[in-house]
Amino acid sequence: MNLLLHTILRKSMKLRGFIVSDDLGHLYPASAKQIGDWVRAGKVKVQEEMIEGLERAPAAFVELLRGDAFGKLVVKLPV
């Protein structure tokens, strides 16, 4: 058993996740519209890196975990 889980069980701790939509889900439609407006107006820049081919996905994932990638990382698959 991993050490963290063992510690949680031994100390009878409660573990609770935080899901944004549980408390703030009602704000999503208005915030999505506002952010979309900002992107269209150029106030927010979307950074996206496109990787082509499934064979390059593992290396791209490693880069993502190392922090070498910034923004959205997309793997484009052939049709």
C-alpha atoms as a PDB file:
ATOM      1  CA  MET A   1       0.000   0.000   0.000  1.00  0.00           C
ATOM      2  CA  ASN A   2       1.376   3.408  -0.830  1.00  0.00           C
ATOM      3  CA  LEU A   3       2.571   5.560   2.063  1.00  0.00           C
ATOM      4  CA  LEU A   4       0.041   8.365   1.602  1.00  0.00           C
ATOM      5  CA  LEU A   5      -2.945   6.019   1.592  1.00  0.00           C
ATOM      6  CA  HIS A   6      -1.520   4.140   4.571  1.00  0.00           C
ATOM      7  CA  THR A   7      -1.146   7.404   6.521  1.00  0.00           C
ATOM      8  CA  ILE A   8      -4.688   8.497   5.643  1.00  0.00           C
ATOM      9  CA  LEU A   9      -6.136   5.186   6.837  1.00  0.00           C
ATOM     10  CA  ARG A  10      -3.971   4.971   9.966  1.00  0.00           C
ATOM     11  CA  LYS A  11      -4.962   8.456  11.094  1.00  0.00           C
ATOM     12  CA  SER A  12      -8.638   8.013  10.086  1.00  0.00           C
ATOM     13  CA  MET A  13      -8.397  11.104   7.919  1.00  0.00           C
ATOM     14  CA  LYS A  14     -11.079  12.223   5.489  1.00  0.00           C
ATOM     15  CA  LEU A  15     -10.035  12.757   1.900  1.00  0.00           C
ATOM     16  CA  ARG A  16     -12.229  15.030  -0.196  1.00  0.00           C
ATOM     17  CA  GLY A  17     -11.629  16.174  -3.735  1.00  0.00           C
ATOM     18  CA  PHE A  18     -12.404  19.617  -5.073  1.00  0.00           C
ATOM     19  CA  ILE A  19     -14.584  19.697  -8.164  1.00  0.00           C
ATOM     20  CA  VAL A  20     -15.079  23.243  -9.416  1.00  0.00           C
ATOM     21  CA  SER A  21     -18.425  22.456 -11.022  1.00  0.00           C
ATOM     22  CA  ASP A  22     -19.842  21.290  -7.676  1.00  0.00           C
ATOM     23  CA  ASP A  23     -19.769  24.826  -6.303  1.00  0.00           C
ATOM     24  CA  LEU A  24     -19.266  27.094  -9.298  1.00  0.00           C
ATOM     25  CA  GLY A  25     -20.911  25.196 -12.169  1.00  0.00           C
ATOM     26  CA  HIS A  26     -23.706  27.744 -12.420  1.00  0.00           C
ATOM     27  CA  LEU A  27     -21.117  30.375 -13.437  1.00  0.00           C
ATOM     28  CA  TYR A  28     -19.784  28.371 -16.396  1.00  0.00           C
ATOM     29  CA  PRO A  29     -22.076  29.681 -19.196  1.00  0.00           C
ATOM     30  CA  ALA A  30     -21.387  33.351 -18.417  1.00  0.00           C
ATOM     31  CA  SER A  31     -17.647  32.827 -17.898  1.00  0.00           C
ATOM     32  CA  ALA A  32     -17.299  30.750 -21.101  1.00  0.00           C
ATOM     33  CA  LYS A  33     -18.976  33.558 -23.044  1.00  0.00           C
ATOM     34  CA  GLN A  34     -16.747  36.228 -21.448  1.00  0.00           C
ATOM     35  CA  ILE A  35     -13.532  34.309 -22.074  1.00  0.00           C
ATOM     36  CA  GLY A  36     -14.623  33.576 -25.653  1.00  0.00           C
ATOM     37  CA  ASP A  37     -15.186  37.310 -26.181  1.00  0.00           C
ATOM     38  CA  TRP A  38     -11.701  38.050 -24.796  1.00  0.00           C
ATOM     39  CA  VAL A  39     -10.094  35.483 -27.122  1.00  0.00           C
ATOM     40  CA  ARG A  40     -11.923  36.883 -30.163  1.00  0.00           C
ATOM     41  CA  ALA A  41     -10.936  40.430 -29.175  1.00  0.00           C
ATOM     42  CA  GLY A  42      -7.279  39.414 -28.806  1.00  0.00           C
ATOM     43  CA  LYS A  43      -7.183  40.202 -25.074  1.00  0.00           C
ATOM     44  CA  VAL A  44      -6.342  36.564 -24.290  1.00  0.00           C
ATOM     45  CA  LYS A  45      -3.909  34.615 -26.469  1.00  0.00           C
ATOM     46  CA  VAL A  46      -4.450  30.892 -26.924  1.00  0.00           C
ATOM     47  CA  GLN A  47      -1.214  28.909 -27.082  1.00  0.00           C
ATOM     48  CA  GLU A  48      -1.490  25.593 -28.841  1.00  0.00           C
ATOM     49  CA  GLU A  49       1.131  23.143 -30.043  1.00  0.00           C
ATOM     50  CA  MET A  50       0.158  20.571 -32.684  1.00  0.00           C
ATOM     51  CA  ILE A  51       1.920  17.197 -32.773  1.00  0.00           C
ATOM     52  CA  GLU A  52       1.208  15.094 -35.851  1.00  0.00           C
ATOM     53  CA  GLY A  53       0.912  11.318 -35.590  1.00  0.00           C
ATOM     54  CA  LEU A  54       0.086   8.932 -32.775  1.00  0.00           C
ATOM     55  CA  GLU A  55       3.670   7.623 -32.762  1.00  0.00           C
ATOM     56  CA  ARG A  56       4.865  11.045 -31.504  1.00  0.00           C
ATOM     57  CA  ALA A  57       2.281  11.195 -28.686  1.00  0.00           C
ATOM     58  CA  PRO A  58       4.376   9.426 -25.987  1.00  0.00           C
ATOM     59  CA  ALA A  59       7.312  11.817 -26.442  1.00  0.00           C
ATOM     60  CA  ALA A  60       4.931  14.791 -26.459  1.00  0.00           C
ATOM     61  CA  PHE A  61       3.350  13.534 -23.230  1.00  0.00           C
ATOM     62  CA  VAL A  62       6.775  13.285 -21.590  1.00  0.00           C
ATOM     63  CA  GLU A  63       7.526  16.879 -22.673  1.00  0.00           C
ATOM     64  CA  LEU A  64       4.219  17.935 -21.141  1.00  0.00           C
ATOM     65  CA  LEU A  65       5.065  16.272 -17.827  1.00  0.00           C
ATOM     66  CA  ARG A  66       8.564  17.798 -17.801  1.00  0.00           C
ATOM     67  CA  GLY A  67       7.064  21.246 -18.314  1.00  0.00           C
ATOM     68  CA  ASP A  68       8.600  21.742 -21.765  1.00  0.00           C
ATOM     69  CA  ALA A  69       5.193  22.336 -23.361  1.00  0.00           C
ATOM     70  CA  PHE A  70       3.133  25.426 -22.629  1.00  0.00           C
ATOM     71  CA  GLY A  71      -0.545  25.854 -23.396  1.00  0.00           C
ATOM     72  CA  LYS A  72      -2.647  23.222 -25.098  1.00  0.00           C
ATOM     73  CA  LEU A  73      -0.889  20.209 -26.627  1.00  0.00           C
ATOM     74  CA  VAL A  74      -2.887  18.537 -29.421  1.00  0.00           C
ATOM     75  CA  VAL A  75      -2.084  15.252 -31.135  1.00  0.00           C
ATOM     76  CA  LYS A  76      -3.395  15.301 -34.710  1.00  0.00           C
ATOM     77  CA  LEU A  77      -4.287  11.872 -36.017  1.00  0.00           C
ATOM     78  CA  PRO A  78      -4.503  10.934 -39.707  1.00  0.00           C
ATOM     79  CA  VAL A  79      -8.015  10.345 -41.021  1.00  0.00           C
END
